[in-house]
Amino acid sequence: MLVLKKIAKFVSDWMALIVIAVAAMPLAMVPGAIFSVWHNISGAVLAAILNRFEIKDKSEK
C-alpha cells in the first residue's frame, strides 16, 4: 500500500506542475489545437478521395 501512496503522490505532483504550466502559457496549446483540426479535416478528405479508388487484390489475377 505504501508504494501505491508514493506513486499517487508522484502523479499528483506532476499533474499540479502540468496545470501550472498550462495556466502560465495558454498559447502553448494553440499549435496542438490547430494540428488537431487539420488532422481531422485532412484525414476525412483523404479518406473520401481514396474511397473512390477500387482496391485490387494481388491474389486475384
PDB file of N, CA and C in Angstrom:
ATOM      1  N   MET A   1       0.810  -1.195   0.000  1.00  0.00           N
ATOM      2  CA  MET A   1       0.000   0.000   0.000  1.00  0.00           C
ATOM      3  C   MET A   1       0.851   1.257   0.000  1.00  0.00           C
ATOM      4  N   LEU A   2       1.980   1.185   0.664  1.00  0.00           N
ATOM      5  CA  LEU A   2       2.852   2.361   0.748  1.00  0.00           C
ATOM      6  C   LEU A   2       3.367   2.757  -0.631  1.00  0.00           C
ATOM      7  N   VAL A   3       3.648   1.752  -1.463  1.00  0.00           N
ATOM      8  CA  VAL A   3       4.139   2.032  -2.815  1.00  0.00           C
ATOM      9  C   VAL A   3       3.064   2.760  -3.623  1.00  0.00           C
ATOM     10  N   LEU A   4       1.821   2.321  -3.487  1.00  0.00           N
ATOM     11  CA  LEU A   4       0.728   2.972  -4.219  1.00  0.00           C
ATOM     12  C   LEU A   4       0.542   4.414  -3.764  1.00  0.00           C
ATOM     13  N   LYS A   5       0.716   4.677  -2.484  1.00  0.00           N
ATOM     14  CA  LYS A   5       0.605   6.044  -1.989  1.00  0.00           C
ATOM     15  C   LYS A   5       1.717   6.916  -2.545  1.00  0.00           C
ATOM     16  N   LYS A   6       2.929   6.356  -2.656  1.00  0.00           N
ATOM     17  CA  LYS A   6       4.052   7.108  -3.212  1.00  0.00           C
ATOM     18  C   LYS A   6       3.818   7.394  -4.700  1.00  0.00           C
ATOM     19  N   ILE A   7       3.295   6.414  -5.402  1.00  0.00           N
ATOM     20  CA  ILE A   7       3.006   6.606  -6.828  1.00  0.00           C
ATOM     21  C   ILE A   7       1.919   7.666  -6.998  1.00  0.00           C
ATOM     22  N   ALA A   8       0.872   7.610  -6.175  1.00  0.00           N
ATOM     23  CA  ALA A   8      -0.204   8.589  -6.254  1.00  0.00           C
ATOM     24  C   ALA A   8       0.312   9.995  -5.966  1.00  0.00           C
ATOM     25  N   LYS A   9       1.216  10.126  -4.999  1.00  0.00           N
ATOM     26  CA  LYS A   9       1.800  11.427  -4.671  1.00  0.00           C
ATOM     27  C   LYS A   9       2.632  11.936  -5.849  1.00  0.00           C
ATOM     28  N   PHE A  10       3.421  11.035  -6.475  1.00  0.00           N
ATOM     29  CA  PHE A  10       4.254  11.397  -7.625  1.00  0.00           C
ATOM     30  C   PHE A  10       3.385  11.896  -8.781  1.00  0.00           C
ATOM     31  N   VAL A  11       2.321  11.155  -9.082  1.00  0.00           N
ATOM     32  CA  VAL A  11       1.421  11.538 -10.172  1.00  0.00           C
ATOM     33  C   VAL A  11       0.732  12.854  -9.840  1.00  0.00           C
ATOM     34  N   SER A  12       0.327  13.017  -8.621  1.00  0.00           N
ATOM     35  CA  SER A  12      -0.339  14.240  -8.194  1.00  0.00           C
ATOM     36  C   SER A  12       0.588  15.443  -8.360  1.00  0.00           C
ATOM     37  N   ASP A  13       1.850  15.289  -7.982  1.00  0.00           N
ATOM     38  CA  ASP A  13       2.814  16.378  -8.134  1.00  0.00           C
ATOM     39  C   ASP A  13       2.987  16.754  -9.600  1.00  0.00           C
ATOM     40  N   TRP A  14       3.101  15.767 -10.478  1.00  0.00           N
ATOM     41  CA  TRP A  14       3.274  16.046 -11.908  1.00  0.00           C
ATOM     42  C   TRP A  14       2.040  16.696 -12.494  1.00  0.00           C
ATOM     43  N   MET A  15       0.869  16.239 -12.055  1.00  0.00           N
ATOM     44  CA  MET A  15      -0.371  16.845 -12.550  1.00  0.00           C
ATOM     45  C   MET A  15      -0.441  18.320 -12.156  1.00  0.00           C
ATOM     46  N   ALA A  16      -0.028  18.618 -10.938  1.00  0.00           N
ATOM     47  CA  ALA A  16      -0.031  20.013 -10.480  1.00  0.00           C
ATOM     48  C   ALA A  16       0.927  20.847 -11.315  1.00  0.00           C
ATOM     49  N   LEU A  17       2.093  20.305 -11.636  1.00  0.00           N
ATOM     50  CA  LEU A  17       3.051  21.036 -12.461  1.00  0.00           C
ATOM     51  C   LEU A  17       2.513  21.279 -13.864  1.00  0.00           C
ATOM     52  N   ILE A  18       1.830  20.312 -14.415  1.00  0.00           N
ATOM     53  CA  ILE A  18       1.262  20.459 -15.758  1.00  0.00           C
ATOM     54  C   ILE A  18       0.175  21.537 -15.751  1.00  0.00           C
ATOM     55  N   VAL A  19      -0.672  21.535 -14.732  1.00  0.00           N
ATOM     56  CA  VAL A  19      -1.727  22.541 -14.641  1.00  0.00           C
ATOM     57  C   VAL A  19      -1.127  23.936 -14.527  1.00  0.00           C
ATOM     58  N   ILE A  20      -0.074  24.069 -13.720  1.00  0.00           N
ATOM     59  CA  ILE A  20       0.592  25.371 -13.570  1.00  0.00           C
ATOM     60  C   ILE A  20       1.205  25.809 -14.902  1.00  0.00           C
ATOM     61  N   ALA A  21       1.845  24.880 -15.602  1.00  0.00           N
ATOM     62  CA  ALA A  21       2.482  25.219 -16.880  1.00  0.00           C
ATOM     63  C   ALA A  21       1.447  25.646 -17.911  1.00  0.00           C
ATOM     64  N   VAL A  22       0.334  24.963 -17.967  1.00  0.00           N
ATOM     65  CA  VAL A  22      -0.716  25.307 -18.931  1.00  0.00           C
ATOM     66  C   VAL A  22      -1.330  26.659 -18.591  1.00  0.00           C
ATOM     67  N   ALA A  23      -1.521  26.908 -17.314  1.00  0.00           N
ATOM     68  CA  ALA A  23      -2.096  28.192 -16.906  1.00  0.00           C
ATOM     69  C   ALA A  23      -1.133  29.337 -17.186  1.00  0.00           C
ATOM     70  N   ALA A  24       0.162  29.061 -17.087  1.00  0.00           N
ATOM     71  CA  ALA A  24       1.160  30.107 -17.309  1.00  0.00           C
ATOM     72  C   ALA A  24       1.374  30.379 -18.795  1.00  0.00           C
ATOM     73  N   MET A  25       1.181  29.365 -19.627  1.00  0.00           N
ATOM     74  CA  MET A  25       1.437  29.508 -21.062  1.00  0.00           C
ATOM     75  C   MET A  25       0.245  28.998 -21.878  1.00  0.00           C
ATOM     76  N   PRO A  26      -0.852  29.716 -21.889  1.00  0.00           N
ATOM     77  CA  PRO A  26      -2.023  29.218 -22.626  1.00  0.00           C
ATOM     78  C   PRO A  26      -1.797  29.139 -24.129  1.00  0.00           C
ATOM     79  N   LEU A  27      -0.886  29.943 -24.664  1.00  0.00           N
ATOM     80  CA  LEU A  27      -0.620  29.885 -26.104  1.00  0.00           C
ATOM     81  C   LEU A  27       0.104  28.610 -26.511  1.00  0.00           C
ATOM     82  N   ALA A  28       0.633  27.885 -25.545  1.00  0.00           N
ATOM     83  CA  ALA A  28       1.315  26.638 -25.861  1.00  0.00           C
ATOM     84  C   ALA A  28       0.344  25.587 -26.396  1.00  0.00           C
ATOM     85  N   MET A  29      -0.933  25.753 -26.139  1.00  0.00           N
ATOM     86  CA  MET A  29      -1.933  24.790 -26.616  1.00  0.00           C
ATOM     87  C   MET A  29      -2.394  25.068 -28.030  1.00  0.00           C
ATOM     88  N   VAL A  30      -2.111  26.231 -28.557  1.00  0.00           N
ATOM     89  CA  VAL A  30      -2.608  26.617 -29.881  1.00  0.00           C
ATOM     90  C   VAL A  30      -2.081  25.714 -30.996  1.00  0.00           C
ATOM     91  N   PRO A  31      -0.768  25.422 -31.075  1.00  0.00           N
ATOM     92  CA  PRO A  31      -0.307  24.539 -32.162  1.00  0.00           C
ATOM     93  C   PRO A  31      -0.959  23.165 -32.129  1.00  0.00           C
ATOM     94  N   GLY A  32      -1.152  22.619 -30.944  1.00  0.00           N
ATOM     95  CA  GLY A  32      -1.808  21.314 -30.837  1.00  0.00           C
ATOM     96  C   GLY A  32      -3.251  21.362 -31.297  1.00  0.00           C
ATOM     97  N   ALA A  33      -3.939  22.437 -30.969  1.00  0.00           N
ATOM     98  CA  ALA A  33      -5.337  22.581 -31.388  1.00  0.00           C
ATOM     99  C   ALA A  33      -5.439  22.738 -32.902  1.00  0.00           C
ATOM    100  N   ILE A  34      -4.537  23.522 -33.470  1.00  0.00           N
ATOM    101  CA  ILE A  34      -4.534  23.713 -34.927  1.00  0.00           C
ATOM    102  C   ILE A  34      -4.236  22.398 -35.631  1.00  0.00           C
ATOM    103  N   PHE A  35      -3.238  21.659 -35.141  1.00  0.00           N
ATOM    104  CA  PHE A  35      -2.896  20.383 -35.759  1.00  0.00           C
ATOM    105  C   PHE A  35      -4.054  19.399 -35.642  1.00  0.00           C
ATOM    106  N   SER A  36      -4.759  19.417 -34.520  1.00  0.00           N
ATOM    107  CA  SER A  36      -5.881  18.512 -34.331  1.00  0.00           C
ATOM    108  C   SER A  36      -6.977  18.777 -35.361  1.00  0.00           C
ATOM    109  N   VAL A  37      -7.298  20.036 -35.567  1.00  0.00           N
ATOM    110  CA  VAL A  37      -8.314  20.398 -36.564  1.00  0.00           C
ATOM    111  C   VAL A  37      -7.843  19.997 -37.963  1.00  0.00           C
ATOM    112  N   TRP A  38      -6.586  20.310 -38.273  1.00  0.00           N
ATOM    113  CA  TRP A  38      -6.025  19.958 -39.583  1.00  0.00           C
ATOM    114  C   TRP A  38      -6.046  18.452 -39.803  1.00  0.00           C
ATOM    115  N   HIS A  39      -5.685  17.698 -38.789  1.00  0.00           N
ATOM    116  CA  HIS A  39      -5.641  16.242 -38.895  1.00  0.00           C
ATOM    117  C   HIS A  39      -7.036  15.687 -39.167  1.00  0.00           C
ATOM    118  N   ASN A  40      -8.042  16.203 -38.497  1.00  0.00           N
ATOM    119  CA  ASN A  40      -9.409  15.727 -38.712  1.00  0.00           C
ATOM    120  C   ASN A  40      -9.913  16.060 -40.115  1.00  0.00           C
ATOM    121  N   ILE A  41      -9.651  17.255 -40.573  1.00  0.00           N
ATOM    122  CA  ILE A  41     -10.119  17.668 -41.907  1.00  0.00           C
ATOM    123  C   ILE A  41      -9.364  16.926 -43.000  1.00  0.00           C
ATOM    124  N   SER A  42      -8.037  16.916 -42.920  1.00  0.00           N
ATOM    125  CA  SER A  42      -7.243  16.272 -43.973  1.00  0.00           C
ATOM    126  C   SER A  42      -7.487  14.764 -44.009  1.00  0.00           C
ATOM    127  N   GLY A  43      -7.711  14.157 -42.854  1.00  0.00           N
ATOM    128  CA  GLY A  43      -7.999  12.719 -42.818  1.00  0.00           C
ATOM    129  C   GLY A  43      -9.315  12.395 -43.496  1.00  0.00           C
ATOM    130  N   ALA A  44     -10.315  13.215 -43.258  1.00  0.00           N
ATOM    131  CA  ALA A  44     -11.621  12.993 -43.886  1.00  0.00           C
ATOM    132  C   ALA A  44     -11.543  13.196 -45.393  1.00  0.00           C
ATOM    133  N   VAL A  45     -10.824  14.218 -45.829  1.00  0.00           N
ATOM    134  CA  VAL A  45     -10.670  14.482 -47.262  1.00  0.00           C
ATOM    135  C   VAL A  45      -9.908  13.344 -47.932  1.00  0.00           C
ATOM    136  N   LEU A  46      -8.825  12.912 -47.318  1.00  0.00           N
ATOM    137  CA  LEU A  46      -8.038  11.810 -47.891  1.00  0.00           C
ATOM    138  C   LEU A  46      -8.858  10.523 -47.948  1.00  0.00           C
ATOM    139  N   ALA A  47      -9.623  10.245 -46.912  1.00  0.00           N
ATOM    140  CA  ALA A  47     -10.468   9.045 -46.909  1.00  0.00           C
ATOM    141  C   ALA A  47     -11.505   9.109 -48.025  1.00  0.00           C
ATOM    142  N   ALA A  48     -12.081  10.289 -48.256  1.00  0.00           N
ATOM    143  CA  ALA A  48     -13.071  10.439 -49.328  1.00  0.00           C
ATOM    144  C   ALA A  48     -12.426  10.238 -50.696  1.00  0.00           C
ATOM    145  N   ILE A  49     -11.217  10.759 -50.862  1.00  0.00           N
ATOM    146  CA  ILE A  49     -10.524  10.600 -52.147  1.00  0.00           C
ATOM    147  C   ILE A  49     -10.156   9.145 -52.380  1.00  0.00           C
ATOM    148  N   LEU A  50      -9.582   8.516 -51.376  1.00  0.00           N
ATOM    149  CA  LEU A  50      -9.152   7.125 -51.541  1.00  0.00           C
ATOM    150  C   LEU A  50     -10.326   6.169 -51.648  1.00  0.00           C
ATOM    151  N   ASN A  51     -11.479   6.562 -51.135  1.00  0.00           N
ATOM    152  CA  ASN A  51     -12.662   5.716 -51.214  1.00  0.00           C
ATOM    153  C   ASN A  51     -13.155   5.583 -52.654  1.00  0.00           C
ATOM    154  N   ARG A  52     -12.776   6.505 -53.505  1.00  0.00           N
ATOM    155  CA  ARG A  52     -13.206   6.461 -54.907  1.00  0.00           C
ATOM    156  C   ARG A  52     -12.428   5.423 -55.723  1.00  0.00           C
ATOM    157  N   PHE A  53     -11.258   5.040 -55.237  1.00  0.00           N
ATOM    158  CA  PHE A  53     -10.433   4.078 -55.963  1.00  0.00           C
ATOM    159  C   PHE A  53     -10.776   2.660 -55.542  1.00  0.00           C
ATOM    160  N   GLU A  54     -10.766   1.765 -56.527  1.00  0.00           N
ATOM    161  CA  GLU A  54     -11.036   0.366 -56.241  1.00  0.00           C
ATOM    162  C   GLU A  54      -9.734  -0.303 -55.796  1.00  0.00           C
ATOM    163  N   ILE A  55      -9.803  -1.039 -54.724  1.00  0.00           N
ATOM    164  CA  ILE A  55      -8.625  -1.744 -54.223  1.00  0.00           C
ATOM    165  C   ILE A  55      -8.564  -3.095 -54.919  1.00  0.00           C
ATOM    166  N   LYS A  56      -7.439  -3.347 -55.579  1.00  0.00           N
ATOM    167  CA  LYS A  56      -7.280  -4.613 -56.297  1.00  0.00           C
ATOM    168  C   LYS A  56      -6.467  -5.556 -55.434  1.00  0.00           C
ATOM    169  N   ASP A  57      -6.981  -6.774 -55.293  1.00  0.00           N
ATOM    170  CA  ASP A  57      -6.292  -7.795 -54.517  1.00  0.00           C
ATOM    171  C   ASP A  57      -5.238  -8.449 -55.385  1.00  0.00           C
ATOM    172  N   LYS A  58      -4.023  -8.554 -54.892  1.00  0.00           N
ATOM    173  CA  LYS A  58      -2.919  -9.116 -55.693  1.00  0.00           C
ATOM    174  C   LYS A  58      -3.084 -10.614 -55.915  1.00  0.00           C
ATOM    175  N   SER A  59      -3.862 -11.293 -55.063  1.00  0.00           N
ATOM    176  CA  SER A  59      -4.029 -12.731 -55.223  1.00  0.00           C
ATOM    177  C   SER A  59      -4.956 -13.053 -56.403  1.00  0.00           C
ATOM    178  N   GLU A  60      -5.799 -12.104 -56.789  1.00  0.00           N
ATOM    179  CA  GLU A  60      -6.679 -12.318 -57.941  1.00  0.00           C
ATOM    180  C   GLU A  60      -5.960 -11.866 -59.197  1.00  0.00           C
ATOM    181  N   LYS A  61      -6.030 -12.684 -60.245  1.00  0.00           N
ATOM    182  CA  LYS A  61      -5.355 -12.336 -61.498  1.00  0.00           C
ATOM    183  C   LYS A  61      -6.293 -12.386 -62.659  1.00  0.00           C
TER     184      LYS A  61
END
